[in-house]
Protein backbone atom coordinates (compact mmCIF):
# COMPACT_ATOMS: atom_id res chain seq x y z
CA MET A 1 20.04 2.38 13.03
CA ARG A 2 20.17 3.06 9.30
CA VAL A 3 17.23 2.06 7.09
CA LEU A 4 17.31 1.81 3.30
CA VAL A 5 13.96 2.66 1.68
CA THR A 6 13.30 1.68 -1.93
CA GLY A 7 10.59 3.51 -3.83
CA ALA A 8 11.31 6.37 -1.45
CA ASN A 9 9.88 9.10 -3.68
CA GLY A 10 6.56 7.33 -4.23
CA PHE A 11 3.22 8.16 -2.63
CA LEU A 12 3.83 5.85 0.34
CA GLY A 13 7.62 6.04 0.23
CA ARG A 14 8.00 9.73 0.93
CA HIS A 15 5.74 9.39 3.98
CA VAL A 16 7.72 6.38 5.21
CA VAL A 17 10.91 8.43 4.95
CA ALA A 18 9.30 11.17 7.06
CA ALA A 19 7.95 8.68 9.61
CA LEU A 20 11.37 7.06 10.03
CA LEU A 21 13.03 10.44 10.48
CA ALA A 22 10.40 11.32 13.06
CA ARG A 23 11.50 8.26 15.04
CA GLY A 24 15.10 9.40 14.97
CA VAL A 25 16.22 6.81 12.42
CA GLU A 26 18.94 7.44 9.84
CA VAL A 27 17.34 7.09 6.40
CA ARG A 28 18.90 6.25 3.06
CA ALA A 29 16.36 6.90 0.30
CA MET A 30 16.75 5.02 -2.98
CA VAL A 31 15.43 6.84 -6.04
CA ARG A 32 15.97 6.39 -9.76
CA PRO A 33 18.86 8.33 -11.32
CA ALA A 34 16.66 10.90 -13.05
CA THR A 35 14.35 11.57 -10.08
CA ARG A 36 13.98 15.17 -8.92
CA VAL A 37 14.19 15.26 -5.14
CA ASP A 38 14.11 19.01 -4.58
CA THR A 39 10.29 18.99 -4.55
CA LEU A 40 9.98 16.26 -1.91
CA GLY A 41 10.70 18.47 1.08
CA TRP A 42 13.27 16.08 2.53
CA SER A 43 15.63 17.39 5.16
CA PRO A 44 19.40 17.31 4.59
CA ALA A 45 19.47 14.35 6.99
CA VAL A 46 18.13 12.07 4.24
CA ASP A 47 20.96 10.22 2.51
CA ILE A 48 19.89 9.95 -1.13
CA VAL A 49 21.24 7.14 -3.29
CA ARG A 50 20.41 6.93 -6.97
CA ALA A 51 19.97 3.45 -8.39
CA ASP A 52 17.63 1.58 -10.71
CA LEU A 53 16.26 -1.86 -9.82
CA ARG A 54 16.30 -2.71 -13.52
CA SER A 55 20.09 -2.98 -13.14
CA SER A 56 22.34 -4.28 -10.35
CA ARG A 57 24.68 -1.33 -10.82
CA ASP A 58 24.96 0.95 -7.74
CA LEU A 59 22.82 -1.36 -5.57
CA ALA A 60 25.75 -2.58 -3.47
CA GLU A 61 26.63 0.97 -2.46
CA ALA A 62 23.02 1.51 -1.38
CA PHE A 63 23.41 -1.22 1.27
CA ARG A 64 26.57 0.21 2.83
CA ASP A 65 26.13 0.24 6.64
CA VAL A 66 22.41 -0.49 6.32
CA ASP A 67 20.67 -2.37 9.13
CA VAL A 68 17.17 -2.74 7.67
CA LEU A 69 15.74 -2.71 4.14
CA VAL A 70 12.20 -1.36 3.69
CA HIS A 71 11.25 -2.52 0.22
CA LEU A 72 8.37 -0.48 -1.20
CA ALA A 73 9.35 -0.29 -4.86
CA ALA A 74 6.93 -1.80 -7.37
CA VAL A 75 5.85 -0.99 -10.92
CA VAL A 76 2.16 -0.04 -10.93
CA SER A 77 1.75 1.25 -14.48
CA GLY A 78 2.35 -0.06 -17.97
CA GLY A 79 1.53 -3.49 -19.33
CA GLU A 80 1.43 -6.69 -17.33
CA ASP A 81 4.84 -7.81 -18.60
CA ALA A 82 6.39 -4.48 -17.56
CA GLN A 83 4.82 -4.68 -14.12
CA PHE A 84 6.08 -8.21 -13.59
CA ALA A 85 9.60 -7.50 -14.87
CA GLY A 86 9.93 -4.29 -12.88
CA THR A 87 8.44 -5.57 -9.63
CA VAL A 88 9.59 -9.20 -9.48
CA GLY A 89 12.79 -8.93 -11.53
CA GLY A 90 13.76 -5.77 -9.67
CA THR A 91 13.16 -7.46 -6.32
CA GLU A 92 15.33 -10.44 -7.29
CA ARG A 93 18.19 -8.15 -8.30
CA LEU A 94 17.87 -6.17 -5.07
CA LEU A 95 17.85 -9.27 -2.87
CA ASP A 96 20.76 -10.84 -4.78
CA VAL A 97 22.83 -7.80 -3.87
CA MET A 98 21.54 -7.77 -0.28
CA ALA A 99 22.66 -11.39 0.12
CA ALA A 100 26.27 -10.25 -0.29
CA THR A 101 25.99 -7.56 2.41
CA ALA A 102 25.67 -7.54 6.19
CA CYS A 103 22.02 -6.46 6.10
CA ARG A 104 19.78 -9.27 7.35
CA ARG A 105 16.50 -7.56 8.17
CA LEU A 106 13.80 -6.78 5.62
CA VAL A 107 10.35 -5.21 5.70
CA LEU A 108 8.37 -5.91 2.53
CA CYS A 109 5.38 -3.96 1.29
CA SER A 110 2.96 -6.57 -0.02
CA SER A 111 -0.74 -5.95 -0.70
CA PHE A 112 -4.29 -7.01 0.08
CA SER A 113 -4.41 -8.02 -3.58
CA VAL A 114 -2.63 -11.32 -2.78
CA TYR A 115 -5.74 -12.62 -0.98
CA ASP A 116 -8.33 -14.84 -2.65
CA TYR A 117 -11.43 -12.72 -2.14
CA THR A 118 -13.70 -15.19 -3.92
CA SER A 119 -12.93 -17.95 -1.40
CA THR A 120 -12.88 -15.68 1.65
CA ARG A 121 -16.01 -15.67 3.78
CA ASN A 122 -17.16 -12.96 6.20
CA VAL A 123 -13.79 -11.75 7.54
CA LEU A 124 -10.55 -11.08 5.67
CA ASP A 125 -7.53 -11.30 7.96
CA GLU A 126 -4.02 -12.71 7.92
CA SER A 127 -5.38 -16.28 7.96
CA SER A 128 -7.52 -15.79 4.84
CA PRO A 129 -6.63 -17.88 1.76
CA LEU A 130 -4.16 -16.45 -0.73
CA GLN A 131 -4.48 -16.53 -4.47
CA GLN A 132 -3.14 -19.70 -6.08
CA THR A 133 -2.18 -20.66 -9.59
CA PRO A 134 -3.66 -20.60 -12.13
CA GLU A 135 -6.48 -18.42 -10.73
CA VAL A 136 -4.10 -15.63 -9.74
CA TYR A 137 -3.49 -14.89 -13.42
CA SER A 138 -7.11 -13.82 -13.80
CA ARG A 139 -6.55 -10.94 -11.39
CA GLY A 140 -4.38 -8.68 -13.54
CA GLY A 141 -0.78 -7.55 -13.75
CA TYR A 142 -0.49 -5.75 -10.41
CA THR A 143 -1.83 -8.69 -8.41
CA VAL A 144 0.36 -11.20 -10.24
CA ALA A 145 3.45 -9.04 -9.69
CA LYS A 146 2.79 -8.48 -5.97
CA TRP A 147 1.92 -12.17 -5.44
CA TRP A 148 5.19 -13.27 -7.02
CA GLN A 149 7.16 -10.53 -5.28
CA GLU A 150 6.04 -11.81 -1.89
CA ARG A 151 6.78 -15.43 -2.84
CA VAL A 152 10.26 -14.56 -4.10
CA THR A 153 11.05 -12.51 -0.99
CA ARG A 154 9.92 -15.27 1.35
CA ARG A 155 12.08 -17.76 -0.53
CA TYR A 156 15.19 -15.60 -0.14
CA ALA A 157 14.46 -15.00 3.56
CA ASP A 158 13.93 -18.69 4.26
CA GLN A 159 17.06 -19.78 2.41
CA LEU A 160 19.33 -17.09 3.86
CA GLY A 161 17.91 -16.84 7.37
CA TRP A 162 16.84 -13.21 7.09
CA GLU A 163 14.51 -11.50 9.56
CA LEU A 164 11.47 -10.79 7.41
CA THR A 165 8.34 -8.75 8.09
CA VAL A 166 5.59 -8.72 5.46
CA LEU A 167 3.09 -5.86 5.63
CA ARG A 168 -0.07 -5.99 3.52
CA PRO A 169 -1.81 -2.60 3.28
CA GLY A 170 -5.42 -2.26 2.17
CA PHE A 171 -6.44 0.70 0.01
CA ILE A 172 -3.90 3.48 0.71
CA TRP A 173 -5.44 6.93 0.41
CA GLY A 174 -4.38 10.50 0.99
CA ARG A 175 -3.95 13.84 -0.71
CA ASP A 176 -4.28 13.49 -4.49
CA HIS A 177 -5.09 9.79 -3.99
CA GLY A 178 -8.62 9.96 -2.65
CA TYR A 179 -10.51 7.97 -5.27
CA LEU A 180 -10.51 4.22 -4.57
CA ALA A 181 -11.40 1.29 -6.82
CA ALA A 182 -13.80 0.09 -4.12
CA LEU A 183 -16.12 3.02 -4.86
CA GLY A 184 -17.59 1.18 -7.84
CA GLN A 185 -17.76 2.42 -11.41
CA GLN A 186 -17.49 6.06 -12.43
CA ILE A 187 -19.27 7.03 -15.64
CA GLY A 188 -18.46 10.61 -16.49
CA ARG A 189 -19.46 12.64 -13.43
CA HIS A 190 -21.77 9.91 -12.16
CA HIS A 191 -21.12 6.89 -9.96
CA VAL A 192 -22.57 3.39 -9.97
CA VAL A 193 -22.18 2.39 -6.32
CA ILE A 194 -22.22 -1.39 -5.92
CA GLY A 195 -22.82 -2.49 -2.36
CA PRO A 196 -23.20 1.01 -0.86
CA LEU A 197 -23.04 -0.30 2.72
CA THR A 198 -19.91 -2.38 2.13
CA ARG A 199 -16.91 -1.28 4.19
CA ILE A 200 -13.60 -0.42 2.55
CA PRO A 201 -10.29 -1.77 3.94
CA MET A 202 -8.65 1.65 4.13
CA THR A 203 -5.41 3.00 5.55
CA HIS A 204 -4.46 6.63 5.27
CA VAL A 205 -0.97 7.05 3.84
CA GLU A 206 0.36 8.73 7.01
CA ASN A 207 -1.03 5.99 9.25
CA CYS A 208 0.30 3.33 6.88
CA ALA A 209 3.75 4.94 6.86
CA ASP A 210 3.76 4.94 10.66
CA VAL A 211 3.31 1.14 10.62
CA PHE A 212 6.27 0.70 8.28
CA ALA A 213 8.46 2.89 10.48
CA LEU A 214 7.38 0.94 13.56
CA ALA A 215 7.93 -2.43 11.88
CA ALA A 216 11.44 -1.41 10.82
CA THR A 217 12.43 -0.41 14.35
CA ASP A 218 10.53 -2.85 16.60
CA ALA A 219 11.87 -6.39 17.01
CA ARG A 220 8.35 -7.66 17.69
CA ALA A 221 7.64 -7.30 13.96
CA ILE A 222 10.28 -9.85 12.95
CA GLY A 223 8.76 -12.96 11.40
CA GLN A 224 5.28 -11.42 11.26
CA THR A 225 2.79 -10.99 8.42
CA LEU A 226 0.46 -8.11 9.24
CA ASN A 227 -2.46 -6.48 7.45
CA ILE A 228 -2.61 -2.69 7.59
CA VAL A 229 -6.02 -1.08 7.89
CA ASP A 230 -6.90 1.83 10.15
CA GLY A 231 -10.01 0.09 11.46
CA PRO A 232 -13.21 -1.50 10.17
CA GLY A 233 -13.27 0.99 7.29
CA GLU A 234 -15.84 3.46 6.06
CA GLN A 235 -18.91 2.40 4.13
CA VAL A 236 -18.64 2.94 0.38
CA TRP A 237 -21.58 5.37 0.27
CA SER A 238 -20.29 7.36 3.23
CA TYR A 239 -16.74 7.67 1.93
CA LEU A 240 -17.92 8.56 -1.58
CA THR A 241 -19.95 11.36 -0.01
CA ASP A 242 -16.85 12.65 1.75
CA TYR A 243 -14.79 12.29 -1.42
CA MET A 244 -17.28 14.26 -3.51
CA ARG A 245 -17.63 16.93 -0.85
CA GLY A 246 -13.86 17.19 -0.42
CA THR A 247 -13.08 17.44 -4.14
CA GLY A 248 -16.12 19.48 -5.09
CA ALA A 249 -17.17 16.76 -7.55
CA ARG A 250 -20.77 16.77 -8.72
CA GLY A 251 -22.83 13.97 -10.15
CA LEU A 252 -25.49 11.39 -9.44
CA ARG A 253 -24.97 8.23 -7.40
CA LEU A 254 -26.83 5.06 -8.31
CA PRO A 255 -26.79 2.43 -5.55
CA ILE A 256 -26.91 -1.23 -6.61
CA PRO A 257 -27.04 -4.11 -4.10
CA TYR A 258 -23.89 -6.20 -4.16
CA LEU A 259 -25.70 -9.50 -4.80
CA LEU A 260 -27.52 -8.03 -7.80
CA GLY A 261 -24.30 -6.57 -9.22
CA SER A 262 -22.37 -9.80 -8.62
CA ALA A 263 -25.05 -11.92 -10.33
CA ALA A 264 -25.12 -9.59 -13.34
CA VAL A 265 -21.33 -9.63 -13.70
CA ARG A 266 -21.13 -13.41 -13.48
CA LEU A 267 -23.91 -13.86 -16.01
CA ALA A 268 -22.33 -11.41 -18.44
CA PHE A 269 -18.91 -13.03 -18.03
CA ALA A 270 -20.33 -16.49 -18.75
CA THR A 271 -22.28 -15.37 -21.83
CA VAL A 272 -21.54 -12.03 -23.49
CA PHE A 273 -17.84 -11.91 -22.56
CA ARG A 274 -17.15 -15.63 -22.66
CA ARG A 275 -14.75 -15.42 -25.61
CA ALA A 276 -13.56 -11.86 -25.08
CA THR A 277 -9.80 -11.44 -24.67
CA LYS A 278 -10.02 -8.15 -22.78
CA VAL A 279 -12.79 -7.42 -20.29
CA PRO A 280 -13.02 -4.37 -17.98
CA ALA A 281 -11.87 -5.21 -14.45
CA ILE A 282 -15.25 -4.61 -12.88
CA LEU A 283 -16.84 -7.13 -15.28
CA THR A 284 -14.38 -9.91 -14.35
CA PRO A 285 -15.75 -11.92 -11.37
CA THR A 286 -12.43 -12.33 -9.51
CA LYS A 287 -11.56 -8.65 -9.90
CA PHE A 288 -15.13 -7.64 -9.04
CA ASP A 289 -14.88 -9.61 -5.79
CA ALA A 290 -11.47 -8.11 -4.95
CA MET A 291 -12.80 -4.58 -5.34
CA LEU A 292 -16.31 -4.86 -4.00
CA LYS A 293 -17.05 -8.04 -2.01
CA PRO A 294 -18.63 -7.18 1.37
CA LEU A 295 -16.26 -8.46 4.05
CA ARG A 296 -15.22 -7.42 7.52
CA PHE A 297 -11.70 -6.16 8.20
CA ASP A 298 -9.82 -5.40 11.37
CA ASN A 299 -6.30 -4.67 12.52
CA SER A 300 -6.38 -6.76 15.70
CA LYS A 301 -3.20 -8.71 14.89
CA LEU A 302 -1.33 -5.48 14.13
CA ARG A 303 -2.58 -3.89 17.34
CA GLN A 304 -1.76 -6.94 19.46
CA THR A 305 1.67 -7.59 17.93
CA LEU A 306 3.04 -4.05 17.86
CA GLY A 307 0.67 -2.18 20.16
CA TRP A 308 -0.19 0.11 17.25
CA THR A 309 -3.07 2.53 17.02
CA PRO A 310 -3.53 4.90 14.07
CA PRO A 311 -1.91 8.29 14.79
CA LEU A 312 -4.71 9.99 12.83
CA ASP A 313 -8.44 9.32 13.15
CA TYR A 314 -10.78 9.40 10.16
CA GLN A 315 -11.71 13.08 10.49
CA GLN A 316 -8.06 14.06 10.71
CA CYS A 317 -7.34 11.94 7.63
CA LEU A 318 -10.12 13.72 5.73
CA ALA A 319 -8.61 17.06 6.69
CA ARG A 320 -5.15 15.91 5.55
CA THR A 321 -6.57 14.67 2.25
CA TYR A 322 -9.10 17.31 1.28
CA GLY A 323 -8.37 20.31 3.50
CA PRO A 324 -6.16 23.31 2.68
CA VAL A 325 -2.52 22.34 2.29
CA SER A 326 -0.91 25.06 4.34
CA THR A 327 -3.34 25.76 7.19
CA ALA A 328 -2.06 23.18 9.69
CA THR A 329 0.90 24.13 11.85
CA ALA A 330 3.10 21.93 13.95
CA THR A 331 1.27 23.03 17.10
CA GLU A 332 -2.08 21.99 15.63
CA ILE A 333 -0.97 18.45 14.83
CA GLU A 334 -1.42 15.77 17.44
CA MET A 335 1.73 13.69 17.25
CA PRO A 336 2.06 10.02 18.25
CA ALA A 337 3.77 9.61 21.62
CA SER A 338 6.38 7.35 20.04
CA TRP A 339 7.67 10.06 17.70
CA SER A 340 10.75 12.16 18.38
CA PRO A 341 10.74 15.96 18.89
CA ASP A 342 11.64 16.35 15.19
CA ALA A 343 8.32 14.81 14.13
CA ALA A 344 6.48 18.09 13.61
CA ALA A 345 9.15 19.37 11.22
CA ALA A 346 9.11 16.11 9.28
CA LEU A 347 5.34 16.18 9.06
CA ARG A 348 5.37 19.78 7.83
CA ALA A 349 7.83 18.74 5.14
CA ARG A 350 5.58 16.01 3.81
CA ARG A 351 2.52 18.28 3.77
């Protein structure tokens, strides 16, 4: 099996490449023409193709002899127009080219951001309501782009009869990506912690990558939409403690009950910021809910559909994220039973 991975040099992408290699899969990694790959630690087995989703040029060659596309690429920086053009326009160009090839299987990286947190009650799972127009446009450029990206991809798959799997990760964390929007509002060194007992829908980048590798290689994933979280999630206060301890950050933490914070934000939005054209995300009710609303999360559908359990538990994830980079050896790493004998080498490369 050969798998094409877009966004392969990104935070999630480089771990997905390693996870696929660990399962004995041939990997073709798509990166932009100017990307430096010598610092990524990839083995010579990775077939690197240079192409830019802003142009259709070179995309056809990327699909040569490819069985599965794992589409991770998205624009997460810049203005809202740039995010939409890069994420949605790039996806349309990619899928237009795929339609002319023999590849008929696709795994899409969507996002928890497509859910309507304001309407969701108690538990957020795959059956929870999605954002709809026009309300989705109040959520910001990233949400709008991911929402449209998923819609566009589903339309192509339905029309062309492709085998589609949609994976929606929660907050992806890992080394150099430990701070999460769900932690509240940082003011200098200090933190305003809204809803300190609220649980965060978290997935460590290595666990998340393992799901993508499994979904690309397991036929049970075809036709499924699956949320990716490692479990019920850590409480905001608890994880912030671990984050500050792990990074050596110092500062005060001010806990504020969620209901009090939500009421204050909604009052301010209806009065002080009523005519404002730009309001900080945390002071916009829909964005506030998406970051901080206390809900329950589980991965029961993922577990039941694919038989998946996280390769790394929370303490191991903390060590991967905040511990010394070079202390772990291959013999110290507990590897998932499904991984090939080359898994330790691939894991060393991505550390």
